[in-house]
Amino acid sequence: MINDNTINALHSVFPELSRKQLEIVTLYAHGNAYETIADICNISVETVRSHLKRSTKALNLKSNDAMRAVILSRSYFFMISLMITNQSKIAP
């Protein structure tokens, strides 16, 4: 399970996805199998597939691989921007 702070932060980057979709696509993007995601989220494998399909459509993408790339790249750039923002607050 992904903590609420992480989901809230990701929601600002992916407003087109629900909180549950964000949790599932993040777990998927980090290489978890459908069965593992289903166990972590206490849902069926078919529900995992359904969330991934709807998320791919919501992001206007054609495949789960494309979605994985978008999730990882947007998340990476979001984290970098947070680090830069936090460093500028600390710097004299």
PDB file of N, CA and C in Angstrom:
ATOM      1  N   MET A   1       0.842  -1.178   0.000  1.00  0.00           N
ATOM      2  CA  MET A   1       0.000   0.000   0.000  1.00  0.00           C
ATOM      3  C   MET A   1       0.890   1.244   0.000  1.00  0.00           C
ATOM      4  N   ILE A   2       0.500   2.219  -0.758  1.00  0.00           N
ATOM      5  CA  ILE A   2       1.248   3.469  -0.855  1.00  0.00           C
ATOM      6  C   ILE A   2       0.617   4.465   0.108  1.00  0.00           C
ATOM      7  N   ASN A   3       1.458   5.202   0.848  1.00  0.00           N
ATOM      8  CA  ASN A   3       0.906   6.094   1.878  1.00  0.00           C
ATOM      9  C   ASN A   3       0.161   7.287   1.267  1.00  0.00           C
ATOM     10  N   ASP A   4      -0.709   7.876   2.082  1.00  0.00           N
ATOM     11  CA  ASP A   4      -1.578   8.965   1.628  1.00  0.00           C
ATOM     12  C   ASP A   4      -0.807  10.183   1.142  1.00  0.00           C
ATOM     13  N   ASN A   5       0.304  10.525   1.791  1.00  0.00           N
ATOM     14  CA  ASN A   5       1.088  11.684   1.365  1.00  0.00           C
ATOM     15  C   ASN A   5       1.617  11.498  -0.054  1.00  0.00           C
ATOM     16  N   THR A   6       2.069  10.299  -0.352  1.00  0.00           N
ATOM     17  CA  THR A   6       2.578  10.011  -1.690  1.00  0.00           C
ATOM     18  C   THR A   6       1.458  10.098  -2.716  1.00  0.00           C
ATOM     19  N   ILE A   7       0.316   9.505  -2.397  1.00  0.00           N
ATOM     20  CA  ILE A   7      -0.829   9.551  -3.320  1.00  0.00           C
ATOM     21  C   ILE A   7      -1.277  10.994  -3.542  1.00  0.00           C
ATOM     22  N   ASN A   8      -1.329  11.794  -2.486  1.00  0.00           N
ATOM     23  CA  ASN A   8      -1.726  13.202  -2.623  1.00  0.00           C
ATOM     24  C   ASN A   8      -0.754  13.961  -3.515  1.00  0.00           C
ATOM     25  N   ALA A   9       0.534  13.725  -3.330  1.00  0.00           N
ATOM     26  CA  ALA A   9       1.537  14.388  -4.167  1.00  0.00           C
ATOM     27  C   ALA A   9       1.394  13.956  -5.622  1.00  0.00           C
ATOM     28  N   LEU A  10       1.222  12.666  -5.841  1.00  0.00           N
ATOM     29  CA  LEU A  10       1.070  12.165  -7.206  1.00  0.00           C
ATOM     30  C   LEU A  10      -0.210  12.678  -7.859  1.00  0.00           C
ATOM     31  N   HIS A  11      -1.242  12.893  -7.059  1.00  0.00           N
ATOM     32  CA  HIS A  11      -2.504  13.379  -7.629  1.00  0.00           C
ATOM     33  C   HIS A  11      -2.339  14.766  -8.235  1.00  0.00           C
ATOM     34  N   SER A  12      -1.423  15.560  -7.704  1.00  0.00           N
ATOM     35  CA  SER A  12      -1.174  16.875  -8.299  1.00  0.00           C
ATOM     36  C   SER A  12      -0.501  16.750  -9.666  1.00  0.00           C
ATOM     37  N   VAL A  13       0.197  15.647  -9.887  1.00  0.00           N
ATOM     38  CA  VAL A  13       0.872  15.402 -11.158  1.00  0.00           C
ATOM     39  C   VAL A  13      -0.053  14.672 -12.139  1.00  0.00           C
ATOM     40  N   PHE A  14      -0.963  13.880 -11.604  1.00  0.00           N
ATOM     41  CA  PHE A  14      -1.890  13.082 -12.417  1.00  0.00           C
ATOM     42  C   PHE A  14      -3.338  13.344 -11.995  1.00  0.00           C
ATOM     43  N   PRO A  15      -3.842  14.565 -12.196  1.00  0.00           N
ATOM     44  CA  PRO A  15      -5.206  14.870 -11.746  1.00  0.00           C
ATOM     45  C   PRO A  15      -6.278  14.072 -12.491  1.00  0.00           C
ATOM     46  N   GLU A  16      -5.916  13.512 -13.632  1.00  0.00           N
ATOM     47  CA  GLU A  16      -6.888  12.752 -14.415  1.00  0.00           C
ATOM     48  C   GLU A  16      -7.146  11.356 -13.859  1.00  0.00           C
ATOM     49  N   LEU A  17      -6.369  10.945 -12.853  1.00  0.00           N
ATOM     50  CA  LEU A  17      -6.517   9.617 -12.263  1.00  0.00           C
ATOM     51  C   LEU A  17      -7.086   9.700 -10.847  1.00  0.00           C
ATOM     52  N   SER A  18      -7.864   8.693 -10.491  1.00  0.00           N
ATOM     53  CA  SER A  18      -8.382   8.603  -9.120  1.00  0.00           C
ATOM     54  C   SER A  18      -7.261   8.146  -8.182  1.00  0.00           C
ATOM     55  N   ARG A  19      -7.514   8.252  -6.898  1.00  0.00           N
ATOM     56  CA  ARG A  19      -6.515   7.814  -5.909  1.00  0.00           C
ATOM     57  C   ARG A  19      -6.216   6.323  -6.066  1.00  0.00           C
ATOM     58  N   LYS A  20      -7.232   5.509  -6.274  1.00  0.00           N
ATOM     59  CA  LYS A  20      -7.035   4.068  -6.434  1.00  0.00           C
ATOM     60  C   LYS A  20      -6.270   3.774  -7.722  1.00  0.00           C
ATOM     61  N   GLN A  21      -6.615   4.476  -8.794  1.00  0.00           N
ATOM     62  CA  GLN A  21      -5.871   4.301 -10.041  1.00  0.00           C
ATOM     63  C   GLN A  21      -4.406   4.665  -9.850  1.00  0.00           C
ATOM     64  N   LEU A  22      -4.146   5.755  -9.139  1.00  0.00           N
ATOM     65  CA  LEU A  22      -2.763   6.164  -8.884  1.00  0.00           C
ATOM     66  C   LEU A  22      -1.996   5.105  -8.118  1.00  0.00           C
ATOM     67  N   GLU A  23      -2.632   4.544  -7.113  1.00  0.00           N
ATOM     68  CA  GLU A  23      -1.974   3.501  -6.335  1.00  0.00           C
ATOM     69  C   GLU A  23      -1.629   2.314  -7.230  1.00  0.00           C
ATOM     70  N   ILE A  24      -2.575   1.898  -8.035  1.00  0.00           N
ATOM     71  CA  ILE A  24      -2.371   0.720  -8.876  1.00  0.00           C
ATOM     72  C   ILE A  24      -1.343   0.985  -9.970  1.00  0.00           C
ATOM     73  N   VAL A  25      -1.440   2.125 -10.655  1.00  0.00           N
ATOM     74  CA  VAL A  25      -0.474   2.388 -11.730  1.00  0.00           C
ATOM     75  C   VAL A  25       0.931   2.607 -11.184  1.00  0.00           C
ATOM     76  N   THR A  26       1.047   3.167  -9.991  1.00  0.00           N
ATOM     77  CA  THR A  26       2.370   3.347  -9.388  1.00  0.00           C
ATOM     78  C   THR A  26       2.987   1.997  -9.042  1.00  0.00           C
ATOM     79  N   LEU A  27       2.200   1.124  -8.456  1.00  0.00           N
ATOM     80  CA  LEU A  27       2.696  -0.226  -8.163  1.00  0.00           C
ATOM     81  C   LEU A  27       3.078  -0.947  -9.454  1.00  0.00           C
ATOM     82  N   TYR A  28       2.259  -0.801 -10.486  1.00  0.00           N
ATOM     83  CA  TYR A  28       2.539  -1.418 -11.779  1.00  0.00           C
ATOM     84  C   TYR A  28       3.809  -0.831 -12.402  1.00  0.00           C
ATOM     85  N   ALA A  29       3.928   0.492 -12.366  1.00  0.00           N
ATOM     86  CA  ALA A  29       5.088   1.152 -12.968  1.00  0.00           C
ATOM     87  C   ALA A  29       6.395   0.730 -12.311  1.00  0.00           C
ATOM     88  N   HIS A  30       6.323   0.353 -11.053  1.00  0.00           N
ATOM     89  CA  HIS A  30       7.522  -0.087 -10.340  1.00  0.00           C
ATOM     90  C   HIS A  30       7.766  -1.583 -10.476  1.00  0.00           C
ATOM     91  N   GLY A  31       7.076  -2.209 -11.414  1.00  0.00           N
ATOM     92  CA  GLY A  31       7.390  -3.583 -11.774  1.00  0.00           C
ATOM     93  C   GLY A  31       6.626  -4.676 -11.060  1.00  0.00           C
ATOM     94  N   ASN A  32       5.615  -4.323 -10.294  1.00  0.00           N
ATOM     95  CA  ASN A  32       4.834  -5.351  -9.601  1.00  0.00           C
ATOM     96  C   ASN A  32       3.905  -6.075 -10.570  1.00  0.00           C
ATOM     97  N   ALA A  33       3.764  -7.377 -10.375  1.00  0.00           N
ATOM     98  CA  ALA A  33       2.861  -8.195 -11.186  1.00  0.00           C
ATOM     99  C   ALA A  33       1.416  -7.923 -10.787  1.00  0.00           C
ATOM    100  N   TYR A  34       0.495  -8.214 -11.686  1.00  0.00           N
ATOM    101  CA  TYR A  34      -0.926  -8.020 -11.405  1.00  0.00           C
ATOM    102  C   TYR A  34      -1.334  -8.709 -10.108  1.00  0.00           C
ATOM    103  N   GLU A  35      -0.861  -9.931  -9.923  1.00  0.00           N
ATOM    104  CA  GLU A  35      -1.219 -10.704  -8.729  1.00  0.00           C
ATOM    105  C   GLU A  35      -0.723 -10.019  -7.457  1.00  0.00           C
ATOM    106  N   THR A  36       0.476  -9.478  -7.508  1.00  0.00           N
ATOM    107  CA  THR A  36       1.046  -8.776  -6.355  1.00  0.00           C
ATOM    108  C   THR A  36       0.246  -7.515  -6.048  1.00  0.00           C
ATOM    109  N   ILE A  37      -0.084  -6.769  -7.086  1.00  0.00           N
ATOM    110  CA  ILE A  37      -0.881  -5.549  -6.906  1.00  0.00           C
ATOM    111  C   ILE A  37      -2.238  -5.897  -6.305  1.00  0.00           C
ATOM    112  N   ALA A  38      -2.851  -6.954  -6.815  1.00  0.00           N
ATOM    113  CA  ALA A  38      -4.152  -7.390  -6.296  1.00  0.00           C
ATOM    114  C   ALA A  38      -4.052  -7.723  -4.812  1.00  0.00           C
ATOM    115  N   ASP A  39      -2.995  -8.429  -4.421  1.00  0.00           N
ATOM    116  CA  ASP A  39      -2.799  -8.777  -3.007  1.00  0.00           C
ATOM    117  C   ASP A  39      -2.595  -7.532  -2.148  1.00  0.00           C
ATOM    118  N   ILE A  40      -1.756  -6.618  -2.606  1.00  0.00           N
ATOM    119  CA  ILE A  40      -1.461  -5.398  -1.847  1.00  0.00           C
ATOM    120  C   ILE A  40      -2.723  -4.552  -1.662  1.00  0.00           C
ATOM    121  N   CYS A  41      -3.533  -4.452  -2.713  1.00  0.00           N
ATOM    122  CA  CYS A  41      -4.720  -3.585  -2.698  1.00  0.00           C
ATOM    123  C   CYS A  41      -5.995  -4.306  -2.271  1.00  0.00           C
ATOM    124  N   ASN A  42      -5.887  -5.594  -1.989  1.00  0.00           N
ATOM    125  CA  ASN A  42      -7.059  -6.398  -1.608  1.00  0.00           C
ATOM    126  C   ASN A  42      -8.177  -6.328  -2.639  1.00  0.00           C
ATOM    127  N   ILE A  43      -7.794  -6.494  -3.905  1.00  0.00           N
ATOM    128  CA  ILE A  43      -8.750  -6.519  -5.006  1.00  0.00           C
ATOM    129  C   ILE A  43      -8.417  -7.709  -5.898  1.00  0.00           C
ATOM    130  N   SER A  44      -9.273  -7.981  -6.863  1.00  0.00           N
ATOM    131  CA  SER A  44      -9.020  -9.097  -7.777  1.00  0.00           C
ATOM    132  C   SER A  44      -8.045  -8.677  -8.877  1.00  0.00           C
ATOM    133  N   VAL A  45      -7.439  -9.666  -9.501  1.00  0.00           N
ATOM    134  CA  VAL A  45      -6.544  -9.404 -10.628  1.00  0.00           C
ATOM    135  C   VAL A  45      -7.324  -8.726 -11.754  1.00  0.00           C
ATOM    136  N   GLU A  46      -8.565  -9.134 -11.956  1.00  0.00           N
ATOM    137  CA  GLU A  46      -9.393  -8.515 -13.000  1.00  0.00           C
ATOM    138  C   GLU A  46      -9.636  -7.033 -12.701  1.00  0.00           C
ATOM    139  N   THR A  47      -9.793  -6.676 -11.442  1.00  0.00           N
ATOM    140  CA  THR A  47      -9.962  -5.265 -11.072  1.00  0.00           C
ATOM    141  C   THR A  47      -8.676  -4.489 -11.336  1.00  0.00           C
ATOM    142  N   VAL A  48      -7.536  -5.106 -11.092  1.00  0.00           N
ATOM    143  CA  VAL A  48      -6.250  -4.473 -11.423  1.00  0.00           C
ATOM    144  C   VAL A  48      -6.209  -4.188 -12.920  1.00  0.00           C
ATOM    145  N   ARG A  49      -6.531  -5.181 -13.720  1.00  0.00           N
ATOM    146  CA  ARG A  49      -6.535  -4.996 -15.184  1.00  0.00           C
ATOM    147  C   ARG A  49      -7.481  -3.866 -15.596  1.00  0.00           C
ATOM    148  N   SER A  50      -8.640  -3.834 -14.983  1.00  0.00           N
ATOM    149  CA  SER A  50      -9.629  -2.805 -15.298  1.00  0.00           C
ATOM    150  C   SER A  50      -9.107  -1.409 -14.956  1.00  0.00           C
ATOM    151  N   HIS A  51      -8.511  -1.259 -13.780  1.00  0.00           N
ATOM    152  CA  HIS A  51      -7.947   0.041 -13.389  1.00  0.00           C
ATOM    153  C   HIS A  51      -6.822   0.457 -14.334  1.00  0.00           C
ATOM    154  N   LEU A  52      -5.979  -0.480 -14.717  1.00  0.00           N
ATOM    155  CA  LEU A  52      -4.886  -0.151 -15.636  1.00  0.00           C
ATOM    156  C   LEU A  52      -5.432   0.277 -16.997  1.00  0.00           C
ATOM    157  N   LYS A  53      -6.433  -0.423 -17.478  1.00  0.00           N
ATOM    158  CA  LYS A  53      -7.035  -0.078 -18.767  1.00  0.00           C
ATOM    159  C   LYS A  53      -7.667   1.311 -18.718  1.00  0.00           C
ATOM    160  N   ARG A  54      -8.416   1.591 -17.663  1.00  0.00           N
ATOM    161  CA  ARG A  54      -9.055   2.909 -17.530  1.00  0.00           C
ATOM    162  C   ARG A  54      -8.018   4.019 -17.353  1.00  0.00           C
ATOM    163  N   SER A  55      -6.952   3.720 -16.628  1.00  0.00           N
ATOM    164  CA  SER A  55      -5.895   4.714 -16.418  1.00  0.00           C
ATOM    165  C   SER A  55      -5.180   5.025 -17.719  1.00  0.00           C
ATOM    166  N   THR A  56      -4.903   3.990 -18.500  1.00  0.00           N
ATOM    167  CA  THR A  56      -4.264   4.183 -19.802  1.00  0.00           C
ATOM    168  C   THR A  56      -5.136   5.074 -20.684  1.00  0.00           C
ATOM    169  N   LYS A  57      -6.428   4.819 -20.670  1.00  0.00           N
ATOM    170  CA  LYS A  57      -7.365   5.629 -21.461  1.00  0.00           C
ATOM    171  C   LYS A  57      -7.425   7.062 -20.935  1.00  0.00           C
ATOM    172  N   ALA A  58      -7.473   7.236 -19.613  1.00  0.00           N
ATOM    173  CA  ALA A  58      -7.541   8.576 -19.016  1.00  0.00           C
ATOM    174  C   ALA A  58      -6.314   9.412 -19.358  1.00  0.00           C
ATOM    175  N   LEU A  59      -5.173   8.743 -19.517  1.00  0.00           N
ATOM    176  CA  LEU A  59      -3.934   9.445 -19.854  1.00  0.00           C
ATOM    177  C   LEU A  59      -3.729   9.561 -21.365  1.00  0.00           C
ATOM    178  N   ASN A  60      -4.720   9.099 -22.141  1.00  0.00           N
ATOM    179  CA  ASN A  60      -4.657   9.135 -23.613  1.00  0.00           C
ATOM    180  C   ASN A  60      -3.447   8.393 -24.161  1.00  0.00           C
ATOM    181  N   LEU A  61      -3.197   7.227 -23.599  1.00  0.00           N
ATOM    182  CA  LEU A  61      -2.079   6.399 -24.037  1.00  0.00           C
ATOM    183  C   LEU A  61      -2.609   5.130 -24.684  1.00  0.00           C
ATOM    184  N   LYS A  62      -1.722   4.434 -25.401  1.00  0.00           N
ATOM    185  CA  LYS A  62      -2.157   3.258 -26.149  1.00  0.00           C
ATOM    186  C   LYS A  62      -1.777   1.938 -25.501  1.00  0.00           C
ATOM    187  N   SER A  63      -0.897   1.962 -24.504  1.00  0.00           N
ATOM    188  CA  SER A  63      -0.468   0.692 -23.911  1.00  0.00           C
ATOM    189  C   SER A  63      -0.050   0.884 -22.456  1.00  0.00           C
ATOM    190  N   ASN A  64      -0.005  -0.226 -21.745  1.00  0.00           N
ATOM    191  CA  ASN A  64       0.473  -0.184 -20.360  1.00  0.00           C
ATOM    192  C   ASN A  64       1.951   0.183 -20.299  1.00  0.00           C
ATOM    193  N   ASP A  65       2.718  -0.222 -21.311  1.00  0.00           N
ATOM    194  CA  ASP A  65       4.137   0.149 -21.334  1.00  0.00           C
ATOM    195  C   ASP A  65       4.303   1.660 -21.462  1.00  0.00           C
ATOM    196  N   ALA A  66       3.483   2.278 -22.299  1.00  0.00           N
ATOM    197  CA  ALA A  66       3.527   3.738 -22.431  1.00  0.00           C
ATOM    198  C   ALA A  66       3.126   4.397 -21.121  1.00  0.00           C
ATOM    199  N   MET A  67       2.118   3.825 -20.463  1.00  0.00           N
ATOM    200  CA  MET A  67       1.684   4.368 -19.176  1.00  0.00           C
ATOM    201  C   MET A  67       2.803   4.256 -18.142  1.00  0.00           C
ATOM    202  N   ARG A  68       3.477   3.120 -18.106  1.00  0.00           N
ATOM    203  CA  ARG A  68       4.591   2.934 -17.171  1.00  0.00           C
ATOM    204  C   ARG A  68       5.638   4.028 -17.390  1.00  0.00           C
ATOM    205  N   ALA A  69       5.972   4.295 -18.649  1.00  0.00           N
ATOM    206  CA  ALA A  69       6.971   5.321 -18.960  1.00  0.00           C
ATOM    207  C   ALA A  69       6.508   6.702 -18.510  1.00  0.00           C
ATOM    208  N   VAL A  70       5.245   7.027 -18.741  1.00  0.00           N
ATOM    209  CA  VAL A  70       4.706   8.338 -18.346  1.00  0.00           C
ATOM    210  C   VAL A  70       4.676   8.470 -16.825  1.00  0.00           C
ATOM    211  N   ILE A  71       4.218   7.432 -16.139  1.00  0.00           N
ATOM    212  CA  ILE A  71       4.154   7.472 -14.672  1.00  0.00           C
ATOM    213  C   ILE A  71       5.550   7.686 -14.097  1.00  0.00           C
ATOM    214  N   LEU A  72       6.510   6.909 -14.561  1.00  0.00           N
ATOM    215  CA  LEU A  72       7.866   7.023 -14.015  1.00  0.00           C
ATOM    216  C   LEU A  72       8.515   8.358 -14.364  1.00  0.00           C
ATOM    217  N   SER A  73       8.345   8.829 -15.601  1.00  0.00           N
ATOM    218  CA  SER A  73       9.007  10.082 -15.981  1.00  0.00           C
ATOM    219  C   SER A  73       8.378  11.298 -15.301  1.00  0.00           C
ATOM    220  N   ARG A  74       7.048  11.390 -15.283  1.00  0.00           N
ATOM    221  CA  ARG A  74       6.411  12.528 -14.600  1.00  0.00           C
ATOM    222  C   ARG A  74       6.725  12.518 -13.108  1.00  0.00           C
ATOM    223  N   SER A  75       6.702  11.341 -12.505  1.00  0.00           N
ATOM    224  CA  SER A  75       7.009  11.230 -11.070  1.00  0.00           C
ATOM    225  C   SER A  75       8.443  11.662 -10.795  1.00  0.00           C
ATOM    226  N   TYR A  76       9.356  11.241 -11.658  1.00  0.00           N
ATOM    227  CA  TYR A  76      10.765  11.603 -11.504  1.00  0.00           C
ATOM    228  C   TYR A  76      10.936  13.124 -11.574  1.00  0.00           C
ATOM    229  N   PHE A  77      10.360  13.747 -12.589  1.00  0.00           N
ATOM    230  CA  PHE A  77      10.513  15.196 -12.730  1.00  0.00           C
ATOM    231  C   PHE A  77       9.821  15.956 -11.605  1.00  0.00           C
ATOM    232  N   PHE A  78       8.722  15.420 -11.103  1.00  0.00           N
ATOM    233  CA  PHE A  78       8.048  16.024  -9.960  1.00  0.00           C
ATOM    234  C   PHE A  78       8.959  15.981  -8.733  1.00  0.00           C
ATOM    235  N   MET A  79       9.586  14.841  -8.487  1.00  0.00           N
ATOM    236  CA  MET A  79      10.485  14.713  -7.329  1.00  0.00           C
ATOM    237  C   MET A  79      11.689  15.636  -7.467  1.00  0.00           C
ATOM    238  N   ILE A  80      12.229  15.749  -8.665  1.00  0.00           N
ATOM    239  CA  ILE A  80      13.362  16.655  -8.895  1.00  0.00           C
ATOM    240  C   ILE A  80      12.943  18.097  -8.622  1.00  0.00           C
ATOM    241  N   SER A  81      11.758  18.488  -9.084  1.00  0.00           N
ATOM    242  CA  SER A  81      11.306  19.866  -8.848  1.00  0.00           C
ATOM    243  C   SER A  81      11.106  20.128  -7.360  1.00  0.00           C
ATOM    244  N   LEU A  82      10.622  19.133  -6.617  1.00  0.00           N
ATOM    245  CA  LEU A  82      10.491  19.289  -5.163  1.00  0.00           C
ATOM    246  C   LEU A  82      11.856  19.458  -4.505  1.00  0.00           C
ATOM    247  N   MET A  83      12.822  18.675  -4.947  1.00  0.00           N
ATOM    248  CA  MET A  83      14.168  18.776  -4.373  1.00  0.00           C
ATOM    249  C   MET A  83      14.765  20.151  -4.639  1.00  0.00           C
ATOM    250  N   ILE A  84      14.588  20.649  -5.848  1.00  0.00           N
ATOM    251  CA  ILE A  84      15.123  21.967  -6.197  1.00  0.00           C
ATOM    252  C   ILE A  84      14.434  23.048  -5.370  1.00  0.00           C
ATOM    253  N   THR A  85      13.120  22.940  -5.234  1.00  0.00           N
ATOM    254  CA  THR A  85      12.363  23.906  -4.437  1.00  0.00           C
ATOM    255  C   THR A  85      12.817  23.882  -2.985  1.00  0.00           C
ATOM    256  N   ASN A  86      12.974  22.701  -2.428  1.00  0.00           N
ATOM    257  CA  ASN A  86      13.407  22.580  -1.033  1.00  0.00           C
ATOM    258  C   ASN A  86      14.825  23.086  -0.836  1.00  0.00           C
ATOM    259  N   GLN A  87      15.712  22.854  -1.794  1.00  0.00           N
ATOM    260  CA  GLN A  87      17.084  23.343  -1.682  1.00  0.00           C
ATOM    261  C   GLN A  87      17.128  24.858  -1.747  1.00  0.00           C
ATOM    262  N   SER A  88      16.282  25.456  -2.578  1.00  0.00           N
ATOM    263  CA  SER A  88      16.289  26.917  -2.683  1.00  0.00           C
ATOM    264  C   SER A  88      15.758  27.566  -1.402  1.00  0.00           C
ATOM    265  N   LYS A  89      14.906  26.851  -0.662  1.00  0.00           N
ATOM    266  CA  LYS A  89      14.416  27.370   0.618  1.00  0.00           C
ATOM    267  C   LYS A  89      15.498  27.299   1.688  1.00  0.00           C
ATOM    268  N   ILE A  90      16.392  26.329   1.562  1.00  0.00           N
ATOM    269  CA  ILE A  90      17.450  26.126   2.554  1.00  0.00           C
ATOM    270  C   ILE A  90      18.647  27.032   2.279  1.00  0.00           C
ATOM    271  N   ALA A  91      18.934  27.277   1.010  1.00  0.00           N
ATOM    272  CA  ALA A  91      20.120  28.047   0.634  1.00  0.00           C
ATOM    273  C   ALA A  91      20.031  29.474   1.170  1.00  0.00           C
ATOM    274  N   PRO A  92      21.176  30.013   1.605  1.00  0.00           N
ATOM    275  CA  PRO A  92      21.191  31.391   2.131  1.00  0.00           C
ATOM    276  C   PRO A  92      20.993  32.433   1.064  1.00  0.00           C
TER     277      PRO A  92
END
